[in-house]
Amino acid sequence: MENPVIILGAQTVGTAALDAFLSNEVVVYCLLDDDAKLQGTELLDVPVMGNTDDGELLKLLGKKCEVFVATEDTASRRSLTQMLRTEYEAVPVNAIHARASVSAHATLGHGNYVGPNAVVAATATLGDSCLIGANCVVEARANVGSFAQLGSGALLGADVQVGELAFIGAGAVVVAGVKIGDKARVGAGSVVVADVASGQTVFGNPAVKV
C-alpha cells in the first residue's frame, strides 16, 4: 500500500486496525474519533486528530490517503462507510495483520479487518467491513456476510454461511454446513450444530436459543 491510511475510530477496533497496518509497515497518517477526550492524544505514536467526519482531513482521501473504518458500533461503521462512498468516492481498504494467513484464493470485499494468527482458507469469502478477530479460522467455502464480526478464536467450518451483521462470540465453533442468519448472535464458547435464524441469539454446547 503506497498511500498512508486514515483510521476512523481510535478505540478497541481502531487499535487493532492500527496494529495491523503497522505490522505491514504501512504509514498511518492519523486516527479520527468522536470522543473529545481522545482527540489531541496519541495511539502507538500516531496522533488522534479530530472527529470522524472532519472534512479537512477526509478531503485527503483518494490520491493522497486511504481510509479504514474502525468504529465500535456496527451502525456507525455502516453509515461512515456509506458516507465515504457517496461524499468522497472512497472505498475502505482491508487491514490484514502480517501474522494472519489469508489465502490468495480467498475472496475479500473492502474494509475488512483480519487479526493476528487468523486463517482465511482458499475459497472462503468475506463481504465488506467484516471484523475477523485474532486466531479465528474461516475454512474452505465458508461465507461471511458484510459487517459480520467473529470474536477471537472463533472457528467456522467448511461451507458455513454467516449472514450480514451477525456476531459470533470468542471461541465459538460453527460446524460445517451450518447457516447463521442476518443479525444473529452466537455466544462466546458456543458450539453451533444447527442453523440459526435471522435475529436469533444462541448459546451453549450444543447452542440453543436464549
Protein backbone atom coordinates (compact mmCIF):
# COMPACT_ATOMS: atom_id res chain seq x y z
CA MET A 1 0.00 0.00 0.00
CA GLU A 2 1.69 3.18 -1.19
CA ASN A 3 -0.53 5.82 0.40
CA PRO A 4 -0.82 6.44 4.14
CA VAL A 5 -4.06 5.49 5.89
CA ILE A 6 -6.52 7.50 7.96
CA ILE A 7 -8.34 5.32 10.52
CA LEU A 8 -11.83 6.35 11.60
CA GLY A 9 -12.05 5.19 15.21
CA ALA A 10 -9.36 5.17 17.92
CA GLN A 11 -10.76 2.71 20.45
CA THR A 12 -10.60 -1.11 20.52
CA VAL A 13 -11.21 -1.73 16.80
CA GLY A 14 -9.06 1.25 15.84
CA THR A 15 -6.19 -0.02 17.98
CA ALA A 16 -6.39 -3.45 16.33
CA ALA A 17 -6.50 -1.94 12.84
CA LEU A 18 -3.59 0.36 13.61
CA ASP A 19 -1.55 -2.61 14.83
CA ALA A 20 -2.40 -4.49 11.63
CA PHE A 21 -1.25 -1.64 9.39
CA LEU A 22 1.92 -1.07 11.42
CA SER A 23 2.72 -4.80 11.27
CA ASN A 24 2.90 -4.38 7.48
CA GLU A 25 4.91 -1.15 7.75
CA VAL A 26 2.01 0.85 6.33
CA VAL A 27 2.13 4.51 7.36
CA VAL A 28 -0.93 5.63 9.31
CA TYR A 29 -1.40 9.39 8.89
CA CYS A 30 -3.76 9.80 11.84
CA LEU A 31 -6.80 8.44 13.62
CA LEU A 32 -10.12 10.26 13.96
CA ASP A 33 -12.55 9.70 16.82
CA ASP A 34 -15.68 11.47 18.02
CA ASP A 35 -14.63 11.16 21.68
CA ALA A 36 -13.21 14.58 22.56
CA LYS A 37 -11.10 13.02 25.32
CA LEU A 38 -9.12 11.07 22.74
CA GLN A 39 -8.53 13.98 20.39
CA GLY A 40 -5.10 15.51 20.81
CA THR A 41 -3.67 12.27 22.21
CA GLU A 42 -1.54 9.61 20.53
CA LEU A 43 -2.14 5.91 19.99
CA LEU A 44 1.02 3.86 19.35
CA ASP A 45 2.73 7.16 18.49
CA VAL A 46 0.08 8.06 15.88
CA PRO A 47 -1.96 11.23 16.56
CA VAL A 48 -5.71 11.18 17.19
CA MET A 49 -6.76 14.39 15.49
CA GLY A 50 -10.46 15.18 15.00
CA ASN A 51 -13.97 13.83 14.53
CA THR A 52 -14.73 11.00 12.12
CA ASP A 53 -16.48 13.48 9.78
CA ASP A 54 -13.61 16.01 9.72
CA GLY A 55 -13.94 17.36 6.17
CA GLU A 56 -10.50 18.97 6.10
CA LEU A 57 -8.78 15.66 6.74
CA LEU A 58 -11.17 13.48 4.76
CA LYS A 59 -10.59 15.58 1.64
CA LEU A 60 -7.13 13.95 1.57
CA LEU A 61 -8.78 10.66 0.66
CA GLY A 62 -8.23 9.35 -2.83
CA LYS A 63 -4.91 10.24 -4.38
CA LYS A 64 -3.15 11.10 -1.09
CA CYS A 65 -4.65 8.83 1.58
CA GLU A 66 -6.54 5.58 2.06
CA VAL A 67 -9.15 5.06 4.76
CA PHE A 68 -10.24 2.32 7.17
CA VAL A 69 -13.44 2.45 9.24
CA ALA A 70 -12.83 1.15 12.77
CA THR A 71 -15.66 2.49 14.91
CA GLU A 72 -17.01 0.21 17.64
CA ASP A 73 -20.67 0.34 16.69
CA THR A 74 -21.77 -1.60 13.60
CA ALA A 75 -24.39 1.02 12.67
CA SER A 76 -21.72 3.69 12.82
CA ARG A 77 -19.38 1.62 10.63
CA ARG A 78 -22.15 1.22 8.06
CA SER A 79 -23.08 4.91 7.99
CA LEU A 80 -19.46 6.07 7.79
CA THR A 81 -18.71 3.58 5.01
CA GLN A 82 -21.71 4.84 3.06
CA MET A 83 -20.69 8.46 3.66
CA LEU A 84 -17.18 7.77 2.37
CA ARG A 85 -18.55 6.18 -0.79
CA THR A 86 -21.11 8.88 -1.57
CA GLU A 87 -19.30 12.05 -0.47
CA TYR A 88 -15.66 11.16 -1.13
CA GLU A 89 -15.89 8.24 -3.59
CA ALA A 90 -13.57 6.41 -1.19
CA VAL A 91 -13.68 2.67 -0.54
CA PRO A 92 -12.11 1.46 2.73
CA VAL A 93 -9.01 -0.71 2.42
CA ASN A 94 -8.52 -4.03 4.20
CA ALA A 95 -6.46 -4.21 7.40
CA ILE A 96 -4.82 -7.65 7.43
CA HIS A 97 -2.28 -8.31 10.15
CA ALA A 98 1.12 -9.51 8.94
CA ARG A 99 0.72 -12.67 11.04
CA ALA A 100 -2.67 -13.52 9.53
CA SER A 101 -2.88 -16.19 6.84
CA VAL A 102 -5.27 -15.20 4.07
CA SER A 103 -5.21 -17.48 1.05
CA ALA A 104 -4.59 -15.91 -2.32
CA HIS A 105 -7.61 -17.98 -3.37
CA ALA A 106 -9.97 -16.46 -0.79
CA THR A 107 -12.33 -13.66 -1.83
CA LEU A 108 -12.40 -10.46 0.23
CA GLY A 109 -14.53 -7.37 -0.10
CA HIS A 110 -13.48 -3.95 1.19
CA GLY A 111 -12.77 -2.61 4.67
CA ASN A 112 -12.24 -5.96 6.39
CA TYR A 113 -10.07 -6.45 9.47
CA VAL A 114 -8.26 -9.78 9.85
CA GLY A 115 -6.39 -10.16 13.14
CA PRO A 116 -3.08 -11.83 14.04
CA ASN A 117 -2.89 -15.61 13.52
CA ALA A 118 -6.33 -15.70 11.90
CA VAL A 119 -6.70 -18.06 8.92
CA VAL A 120 -8.94 -17.44 5.92
CA ALA A 121 -8.76 -20.53 3.75
CA ALA A 122 -8.86 -20.91 -0.02
CA THR A 123 -12.38 -20.49 -1.47
CA ALA A 124 -13.64 -18.74 1.70
CA THR A 125 -15.40 -15.41 1.18
CA LEU A 126 -15.59 -12.27 3.31
CA GLY A 127 -18.03 -9.50 2.42
CA ASP A 128 -17.34 -5.86 3.28
CA SER A 129 -16.32 -4.47 6.68
CA CYS A 130 -16.10 -7.81 8.49
CA LEU A 131 -14.13 -7.99 11.73
CA ILE A 132 -12.20 -11.27 11.99
CA GLY A 133 -10.56 -11.48 15.41
CA ALA A 134 -7.19 -12.92 16.36
CA ASN A 135 -6.80 -16.70 15.97
CA CYS A 136 -10.07 -17.14 14.04
CA VAL A 137 -10.35 -19.82 11.38
CA VAL A 138 -12.61 -19.47 8.34
CA GLU A 139 -12.48 -22.76 6.48
CA ALA A 140 -12.99 -23.59 2.80
CA ARG A 141 -16.16 -22.32 1.10
CA ALA A 142 -17.33 -20.55 4.27
CA ASN A 143 -19.05 -17.25 3.50
CA VAL A 144 -19.10 -14.33 5.96
CA GLY A 145 -21.62 -11.58 5.18
CA SER A 146 -20.83 -7.87 5.28
CA PHE A 147 -20.43 -6.19 8.68
CA ALA A 148 -20.33 -9.57 10.47
CA GLN A 149 -17.99 -9.96 13.43
CA LEU A 150 -16.06 -13.02 14.63
CA GLY A 151 -14.61 -12.84 18.14
CA SER A 152 -11.10 -14.06 18.88
CA GLY A 153 -10.61 -17.77 18.28
CA ALA A 154 -13.96 -18.39 16.59
CA LEU A 155 -13.97 -21.25 14.10
CA LEU A 156 -16.21 -21.52 11.04
CA GLY A 157 -16.24 -24.98 9.47
CA ALA A 158 -16.34 -25.64 5.74
CA ASP A 159 -19.42 -24.35 3.89
CA VAL A 160 -20.69 -22.32 6.87
CA GLN A 161 -22.81 -19.33 5.86
CA VAL A 162 -22.79 -16.29 8.18
CA GLY A 163 -25.34 -13.57 7.41
CA GLU A 164 -24.81 -9.84 7.34
CA LEU A 165 -24.43 -8.06 10.70
CA ALA A 166 -24.15 -11.40 12.53
CA PHE A 167 -21.97 -11.75 15.63
CA ILE A 168 -20.02 -14.91 16.51
CA GLY A 169 -18.54 -14.75 20.02
CA ALA A 170 -14.98 -15.54 21.04
CA GLY A 171 -14.07 -19.20 20.89
CA ALA A 172 -17.36 -20.27 19.31
CA VAL A 173 -17.37 -23.18 16.88
CA VAL A 174 -19.81 -23.32 13.98
CA VAL A 175 -19.71 -26.81 12.50
CA ALA A 176 -19.51 -27.45 8.76
CA GLY A 177 -22.52 -26.54 6.67
CA VAL A 178 -24.44 -24.56 9.32
CA LYS A 179 -26.20 -21.34 8.31
CA ILE A 180 -26.19 -18.31 10.64
CA GLY A 181 -28.86 -15.76 9.69
CA ASP A 182 -28.55 -11.99 9.33
CA LYS A 183 -28.15 -10.16 12.68
CA ALA A 184 -27.99 -13.47 14.57
CA ARG A 185 -25.77 -13.70 17.66
CA VAL A 186 -23.76 -16.68 18.87
CA GLY A 187 -22.48 -16.56 22.45
CA ALA A 188 -18.82 -16.96 23.31
CA GLY A 189 -17.64 -20.56 23.53
CA SER A 190 -20.77 -21.98 21.94
CA VAL A 191 -20.82 -25.00 19.63
CA VAL A 192 -23.37 -24.46 16.88
CA VAL A 193 -24.58 -27.67 15.26
CA ALA A 194 -27.86 -26.44 13.70
CA ASP A 195 -28.93 -23.44 11.64
CA VAL A 196 -29.61 -20.18 13.49
CA ALA A 197 -32.47 -17.99 12.25
CA SER A 198 -32.02 -14.33 11.43
CA GLY A 199 -32.08 -12.16 14.53
CA GLN A 200 -31.86 -15.13 16.89
CA THR A 201 -29.41 -15.42 19.80
CA VAL A 202 -27.99 -18.83 20.72
CA PHE A 203 -25.61 -20.00 23.43
CA GLY A 204 -24.18 -23.21 24.85
CA ASN A 205 -22.86 -26.62 23.79
CA PRO A 206 -24.80 -27.50 21.79
CA ALA A 207 -26.03 -23.95 21.21
CA VAL A 208 -29.72 -23.34 21.88
CA LYS A 209 -31.93 -20.29 21.60
CA VAL A 210 -31.85 -17.91 24.56
